[in-house]
Amino acid sequence: MKIAFFEVEEWEKPLLSEKLHGDDLVFYPDPLTIENVAIAKDFEMISVFVCSTINKEVIDQLPHLKFVTTRSTGFDHIDTAYCKERHIVACNVPHYGTHTVAEHTFALILALSRKLFVSIDGTKRGEFDHSNLLGFDLYGKVLGIFGLGDIGISVARIAKGFGMNVVAYSRHPSEALARELGISFLEFNEVLSLSDIITLHVPYSKETEHMINKKNIKKFKKGSLLINTARGGLVETESLLFGLEKGILGGAGLDVLEEENLIKEERQLIGRHGVKSADLRTLYYDHILMKLDNVVITPHNAFNSKEALELILDVTVQNILAFEDKKMQNTV
């Protein structure tokens, strides 16, 4: 079949061409919008990313469209209700960073627990003084996980490998999962007060915005670490600074910062249409965070592994082949 791919990066083209060698592929670097929809009018199948707009206005200009697959987990850029009305199948990529993000979570934890960056910086300056480098073992410590989706579960499994005790908060606690992982589900504030390390793995929404805030920052166990590889908006930056300055928190490992509130999908960051805007006040707080020795910040890079990015393409290809075989998968 003839398939149009929009928002395609150069490195993706050979991989897609190899995996879909029996189809006629056309690649476009820009998003699909109402302004350029005419170039897609003859296609039955299209693949897009999050900057494309697949709404009623666009769909009505695509008379032959039967299938649309987005190379993302989120699909709010697609009018799925209208797709169903028009008998157009829409698919997504449900998961792609399960192991990648979980491993990065522990990279941040270990960087803080063993003061890796302070050690490395000092060694590069020819300093071999250990007096400021006292770390702590993860073995026997309590890890508190907020959110037990695929990533949270992967984090829990890694933690058990380190010999950690794991407690978790979830809106849907599962006794079967607790038994399988060897963890305990507790109430929100109990997890805060008992954990030596807190790690966040919940989606960003109105309900989860600033779930760590001025009201609960004092409930953390004194000297504990906060790790956030999910979304910056989960943590109120001003409260995080307060916790660090007052010694409530012993440190923080952050792959995400609060001003990244417009990011829909991680892979958006490495594409040509990445988000550039930021809140100036929050940026000021972030600038302070970056200067603290007990804070490790990475540039929203937890998702960014070769395996995760290739998995996006693999699942997209599987979605296409399944549709061609009349066996739908990952429909939204």
Protein backbone atom coordinates (compact mmCIF):
# COMPACT_ATOMS: atom_id res chain seq x y z
CA MET A 1 0.00 0.00 0.00
CA LYS A 2 0.98 3.64 -0.39
CA ILE A 3 1.74 5.14 3.01
CA ALA A 4 2.57 8.76 3.92
CA PHE A 5 4.83 9.41 6.92
CA PHE A 6 4.83 12.91 8.40
CA GLU A 7 7.32 14.53 10.86
CA VAL A 8 9.96 11.99 9.85
CA GLU A 9 13.58 12.36 10.93
CA GLU A 10 16.35 11.30 8.52
CA TRP A 11 17.47 8.37 10.69
CA GLU A 12 13.96 6.89 10.62
CA LYS A 13 13.68 6.62 6.84
CA PRO A 14 16.01 3.63 6.20
CA LEU A 15 14.58 1.69 9.15
CA LEU A 16 11.01 2.18 7.98
CA SER A 17 11.92 1.45 4.36
CA GLU A 18 13.61 -1.81 5.35
CA LYS A 19 10.76 -3.02 7.57
CA LEU A 20 8.02 -2.02 5.08
CA HIS A 21 9.83 -2.91 1.86
CA GLY A 22 6.62 -4.27 0.32
CA ASP A 23 4.83 -0.93 0.59
CA ASP A 24 5.21 2.37 -1.24
CA LEU A 25 6.45 4.86 1.36
CA VAL A 26 6.50 8.65 1.03
CA PHE A 27 8.26 10.74 3.70
CA TYR A 28 7.53 14.33 4.70
CA PRO A 29 9.58 16.23 7.33
CA ASP A 30 6.71 18.56 8.33
CA PRO A 31 3.53 17.86 10.31
CA LEU A 32 0.26 17.16 8.52
CA THR A 33 -2.07 20.15 8.92
CA ILE A 34 -4.96 21.76 7.08
CA GLU A 35 -2.45 23.96 5.26
CA ASN A 36 -0.68 21.06 3.54
CA VAL A 37 -3.36 18.38 3.63
CA ALA A 38 -3.62 18.34 -0.18
CA ILE A 39 -0.37 16.34 -0.41
CA ALA A 40 -2.03 13.47 1.46
CA LYS A 41 -5.37 13.36 -0.37
CA ASP A 42 -4.55 10.16 -2.31
CA PHE A 43 -3.24 8.11 0.63
CA GLU A 44 -5.17 5.35 2.39
CA MET A 45 -2.67 5.13 5.25
CA ILE A 46 -0.77 7.85 7.12
CA SER A 47 1.64 7.90 10.04
CA VAL A 48 2.10 11.08 12.09
CA PHE A 49 3.66 12.44 15.26
CA VAL A 50 2.27 14.84 17.88
CA CYS A 51 2.61 18.11 15.93
CA SER A 52 0.24 16.90 13.21
CA THR A 53 -3.46 17.76 13.47
CA ILE A 54 -5.82 14.99 12.45
CA ASN A 55 -9.17 16.67 13.11
CA LYS A 56 -12.49 16.69 11.24
CA GLU A 57 -11.37 19.49 8.93
CA VAL A 58 -8.26 17.55 7.88
CA ILE A 59 -9.97 14.17 7.71
CA ASP A 60 -12.68 15.57 5.41
CA GLN A 61 -9.93 16.41 2.91
CA LEU A 62 -8.67 12.81 2.89
CA PRO A 63 -11.40 10.86 1.05
CA HIS A 64 -9.37 7.64 0.77
CA LEU A 65 -8.05 7.54 4.35
CA LYS A 66 -8.61 4.20 6.08
CA PHE A 67 -5.84 4.09 8.67
CA VAL A 68 -3.79 6.51 10.79
CA THR A 69 -1.07 5.51 13.23
CA THR A 70 0.74 7.96 15.50
CA ARG A 71 4.34 7.30 16.53
CA SER A 72 3.54 8.34 20.09
CA THR A 73 1.72 7.17 23.18
CA GLY A 74 -0.48 10.27 23.32
CA PHE A 75 -3.16 10.63 20.67
CA ASP A 76 -5.03 13.83 21.57
CA HIS A 77 -3.93 15.32 18.22
CA ILE A 78 -6.25 12.81 16.52
CA ASP A 79 -10.04 13.16 16.54
CA THR A 80 -10.64 9.51 17.34
CA ALA A 81 -14.40 9.92 17.58
CA TYR A 82 -14.61 11.28 14.05
CA CYS A 83 -12.24 8.57 12.84
CA LYS A 84 -14.66 5.95 14.17
CA GLU A 85 -17.57 7.75 12.52
CA ARG A 86 -15.69 7.63 9.21
CA HIS A 87 -14.61 3.98 9.81
CA ILE A 88 -10.94 5.02 9.96
CA VAL A 89 -8.74 2.88 12.21
CA ALA A 90 -6.47 4.89 14.53
CA CYS A 91 -3.52 3.36 16.44
CA ASN A 92 -0.76 4.49 18.78
CA VAL A 93 2.42 3.18 20.48
CA PRO A 94 1.25 2.35 24.02
CA HIS A 95 4.65 1.88 25.68
CA TYR A 96 8.24 2.41 24.65
CA GLY A 97 10.27 3.66 27.62
CA THR A 98 9.51 1.01 30.22
CA HIS A 99 13.08 -0.21 30.81
CA THR A 100 14.83 2.90 29.49
CA VAL A 101 13.19 5.31 31.97
CA ALA A 102 13.45 2.86 34.86
CA GLU A 103 17.19 2.43 34.31
CA HIS A 104 17.69 6.20 34.08
CA THR A 105 15.82 6.51 37.38
CA PHE A 106 18.47 4.38 39.04
CA ALA A 107 21.25 6.24 37.26
CA LEU A 108 20.02 9.38 39.05
CA ILE A 109 19.64 7.55 42.37
CA LEU A 110 23.18 6.15 42.21
CA ALA A 111 24.61 9.49 41.11
CA LEU A 112 23.20 11.01 44.31
CA SER A 113 23.76 8.12 46.73
CA ARG A 114 27.44 7.86 45.78
CA LYS A 115 28.00 11.59 45.00
CA LEU A 116 29.28 10.67 41.57
CA PHE A 117 29.35 14.11 39.99
CA VAL A 118 31.07 15.75 42.95
CA SER A 119 33.61 12.90 42.91
CA ILE A 120 34.21 13.14 39.17
CA ASP A 121 34.53 16.93 39.18
CA GLY A 122 37.02 16.82 42.05
CA THR A 123 39.10 14.08 40.46
CA LYS A 124 39.33 16.05 37.22
CA ARG A 125 40.80 18.91 39.25
CA GLY A 126 43.36 16.53 40.80
CA GLU A 127 41.56 16.34 44.14
CA PHE A 128 41.43 12.93 45.83
CA ASP A 129 39.96 14.01 49.18
CA HIS A 130 37.25 11.59 50.39
CA SER A 131 36.07 13.68 53.35
CA ASN A 132 33.16 15.20 51.41
CA LEU A 133 32.20 12.07 49.50
CA LEU A 134 30.46 9.89 52.08
CA GLY A 135 27.62 8.08 50.35
CA PHE A 136 25.07 5.49 51.43
CA ASP A 137 24.03 1.97 50.44
CA LEU A 138 20.75 1.33 48.66
CA TYR A 139 20.54 -2.10 50.28
CA GLY A 140 17.89 -2.08 53.01
CA LYS A 141 16.64 1.42 52.17
CA VAL A 142 12.96 2.16 51.50
CA LEU A 143 12.06 3.21 47.96
CA GLY A 144 8.69 4.90 47.58
CA ILE A 145 7.14 4.73 44.12
CA PHE A 146 4.26 6.93 43.06
CA GLY A 147 2.56 5.27 40.10
CA LEU A 148 2.68 1.53 39.38
CA GLY A 149 2.32 1.49 35.61
CA ASP A 150 4.81 -0.32 33.39
CA ILE A 151 7.68 2.03 34.31
CA GLY A 152 6.89 1.98 38.03
CA ILE A 153 6.78 -1.82 37.98
CA SER A 154 10.15 -1.93 36.19
CA VAL A 155 11.61 0.42 38.82
CA ALA A 156 10.27 -1.81 41.60
CA ARG A 157 11.91 -4.88 40.06
CA ILE A 158 15.28 -3.11 39.80
CA ALA A 159 14.95 -1.91 43.40
CA LYS A 160 14.37 -5.44 44.65
CA GLY A 161 17.57 -6.43 42.87
CA PHE A 162 19.41 -3.89 45.03
CA GLY A 163 17.85 -5.38 48.15
CA MET A 164 15.60 -2.36 48.76
CA ASN A 165 12.25 -2.40 50.52
CA VAL A 166 9.59 -0.98 48.19
CA VAL A 167 6.41 0.83 49.12
CA ALA A 168 4.07 2.36 46.59
CA TYR A 169 1.09 4.63 46.15
CA SER A 170 -1.34 3.93 43.34
CA ARG A 171 -4.91 4.91 42.64
CA HIS A 172 -5.52 1.25 41.82
CA PRO A 173 -3.56 -0.87 44.33
CA SER A 174 -3.38 -4.54 43.48
CA GLU A 175 -2.83 -7.30 46.04
CA ALA A 176 -1.74 -9.66 43.28
CA LEU A 177 0.87 -7.17 42.05
CA ALA A 178 2.04 -6.54 45.62
CA ARG A 179 2.62 -10.27 46.09
CA GLU A 180 4.32 -10.65 42.71
CA LEU A 181 6.75 -7.76 43.29
CA GLY A 182 7.15 -8.15 47.04
CA ILE A 183 6.04 -4.58 47.74
CA SER A 184 3.49 -2.81 49.96
CA PHE A 185 0.81 -0.36 48.86
CA LEU A 186 0.38 2.53 51.31
CA GLU A 187 -1.47 5.84 51.52
CA PHE A 188 0.08 8.92 49.88
CA ASN A 189 1.44 10.55 53.05
CA GLU A 190 2.65 7.23 54.45
CA VAL A 191 4.87 6.73 51.40
CA LEU A 192 6.28 10.25 51.84
CA SER A 193 7.10 9.80 55.52
CA LEU A 194 8.57 6.29 55.33
CA SER A 195 10.69 6.46 52.16
CA ASP A 196 14.41 7.14 51.97
CA ILE A 197 13.96 7.78 48.25
CA ILE A 198 10.79 8.90 46.45
CA THR A 199 10.44 8.40 42.70
CA LEU A 200 7.56 9.67 40.54
CA HIS A 201 6.05 7.66 37.69
CA VAL A 202 2.57 9.08 37.16
CA PRO A 203 1.23 10.90 34.07
CA TYR A 204 0.82 14.67 34.13
CA SER A 205 -2.77 15.89 34.46
CA LYS A 206 -4.81 18.48 36.33
CA GLU A 207 -5.13 15.96 39.16
CA THR A 208 -1.38 15.26 39.40
CA GLU A 209 -0.09 18.80 38.80
CA HIS A 210 2.06 19.83 41.79
CA MET A 211 1.40 16.56 43.59
CA ILE A 212 4.58 17.49 45.47
CA ASN A 213 3.86 20.94 46.90
CA LYS A 214 4.05 23.33 49.85
CA LYS A 215 1.45 21.36 51.80
CA ASN A 216 3.25 18.01 51.72
CA ILE A 217 6.96 18.81 51.31
CA LYS A 218 7.35 18.80 55.12
CA LYS A 219 5.96 15.26 55.27
CA PHE A 220 9.03 13.79 53.54
CA LYS A 221 11.39 11.73 55.66
CA LYS A 222 14.23 14.04 56.69
CA GLY A 223 17.21 13.71 54.36
CA SER A 224 15.35 11.69 51.73
CA LEU A 225 15.89 11.98 47.98
CA LEU A 226 13.30 12.97 45.36
CA ILE A 227 13.62 11.55 41.84
CA ASN A 228 11.48 12.76 38.95
CA THR A 229 11.77 11.23 35.48
CA ALA A 230 8.08 11.67 34.65
CA ARG A 231 6.90 15.27 34.12
CA GLY A 232 8.25 18.50 35.60
CA GLY A 233 4.79 19.79 36.50
CA LEU A 234 4.34 17.05 39.09
CA VAL A 235 6.67 18.98 41.40
CA GLU A 236 6.21 22.59 42.46
CA THR A 237 9.74 23.91 41.95
CA GLU A 238 9.51 26.53 44.70
CA SER A 239 8.54 23.83 47.21
CA LEU A 240 11.39 21.62 46.02
CA LEU A 241 13.86 24.44 46.67
CA PHE A 242 12.33 24.98 50.10
CA GLY A 243 12.76 21.30 50.92
CA LEU A 244 16.39 21.34 49.84
CA GLU A 245 17.25 24.59 51.63
CA LYS A 246 15.65 23.45 54.91
CA GLY A 247 17.33 20.04 54.81
CA ILE A 248 14.03 18.20 54.51
CA LEU A 249 15.37 16.71 51.30
CA GLY A 250 18.90 15.38 51.09
CA GLY A 251 18.96 15.78 47.33
CA ALA A 252 17.03 15.56 44.08
CA GLY A 253 17.54 13.78 40.76
CA LEU A 254 15.58 15.46 37.99
CA ASP A 255 15.26 14.53 34.35
CA VAL A 256 12.33 16.92 33.95
CA LEU A 257 11.75 20.52 34.97
CA GLU A 258 8.55 22.40 35.56
CA GLU A 259 8.75 24.74 32.56
CA GLU A 260 8.45 21.79 30.17
CA ASN A 261 4.67 22.04 30.49
CA LEU A 262 4.00 22.06 26.74
CA ILE A 263 5.73 18.78 25.93
CA LYS A 264 3.28 16.12 24.77
CA GLU A 265 5.73 13.35 23.99
CA GLU A 266 9.39 12.83 24.91
CA ARG A 267 10.58 12.19 21.37
CA GLN A 268 9.31 15.69 20.54
CA LEU A 269 12.45 16.98 22.26
CA ILE A 270 14.84 15.56 19.68
CA GLY A 271 12.79 16.46 16.62
CA ARG A 272 12.92 19.65 14.63
CA HIS A 273 9.64 20.79 16.16
CA GLY A 274 10.75 20.58 19.79
CA VAL A 275 9.27 22.86 22.47
CA LYS A 276 11.29 26.01 23.13
CA SER A 277 9.14 28.18 25.40
CA ALA A 278 9.53 28.34 29.17
CA ASP A 279 8.21 30.16 32.23
CA LEU A 280 10.84 32.71 33.30
CA ARG A 281 10.14 32.50 37.03
CA THR A 282 10.46 28.72 37.00
CA LEU A 283 13.62 29.01 34.91
CA TYR A 284 15.06 31.22 37.64
CA TYR A 285 14.35 28.53 40.24
CA ASP A 286 15.81 25.89 37.91
CA HIS A 287 18.97 27.98 37.58
CA ILE A 288 19.34 27.85 41.36
CA LEU A 289 18.75 24.09 41.35
CA MET A 290 21.50 23.57 38.80
CA LYS A 291 24.08 25.12 41.14
CA LEU A 292 23.37 22.79 44.06
CA ASP A 293 25.81 19.91 44.64
CA ASN A 294 23.03 17.65 45.93
CA VAL A 295 20.90 18.08 42.80
CA VAL A 296 21.52 16.13 39.58
CA ILE A 297 19.70 17.38 36.48
CA THR A 298 19.63 15.67 33.10
CA PRO A 299 17.98 17.24 30.02
CA HIS A 300 14.75 15.19 29.80
CA ASN A 301 16.81 12.32 28.46
CA ALA A 302 15.45 9.29 30.33
CA PHE A 303 13.48 8.12 27.30
CA ASN A 304 16.38 8.57 24.89
CA SER A 305 17.86 5.17 24.21
CA LYS A 306 18.47 3.46 20.88
CA GLU A 307 16.19 0.61 21.91
CA ALA A 308 13.29 2.86 22.94
CA LEU A 309 13.36 4.95 19.76
CA GLU A 310 13.60 1.87 17.57
CA LEU A 311 10.71 0.31 19.49
CA ILE A 312 8.50 3.24 18.46
CA LEU A 313 9.18 2.42 14.83
CA ASP A 314 8.83 -1.33 15.40
CA VAL A 315 5.39 -0.94 16.96
CA THR A 316 4.34 1.50 14.24
CA VAL A 317 5.36 -1.04 11.60
CA GLN A 318 3.50 -3.78 13.49
CA ASN A 319 0.40 -1.57 13.58
CA ILE A 320 0.59 -1.09 9.81
CA LEU A 321 1.18 -4.77 9.03
CA ALA A 322 -1.63 -5.82 11.38
CA PHE A 323 -4.02 -3.46 9.59
CA GLU A 324 -2.96 -4.79 6.21
CA ASP A 325 -3.67 -8.33 7.50
CA LYS A 326 -7.03 -7.16 8.91
CA LYS A 327 -5.82 -7.88 12.45
CA MET A 328 -6.06 -4.59 14.37
CA GLN A 329 -3.81 -3.80 17.34
CA ASN A 330 -3.17 -0.80 19.60
CA THR A 331 -6.35 0.91 18.42
CA VAL A 332 -7.43 4.08 20.21
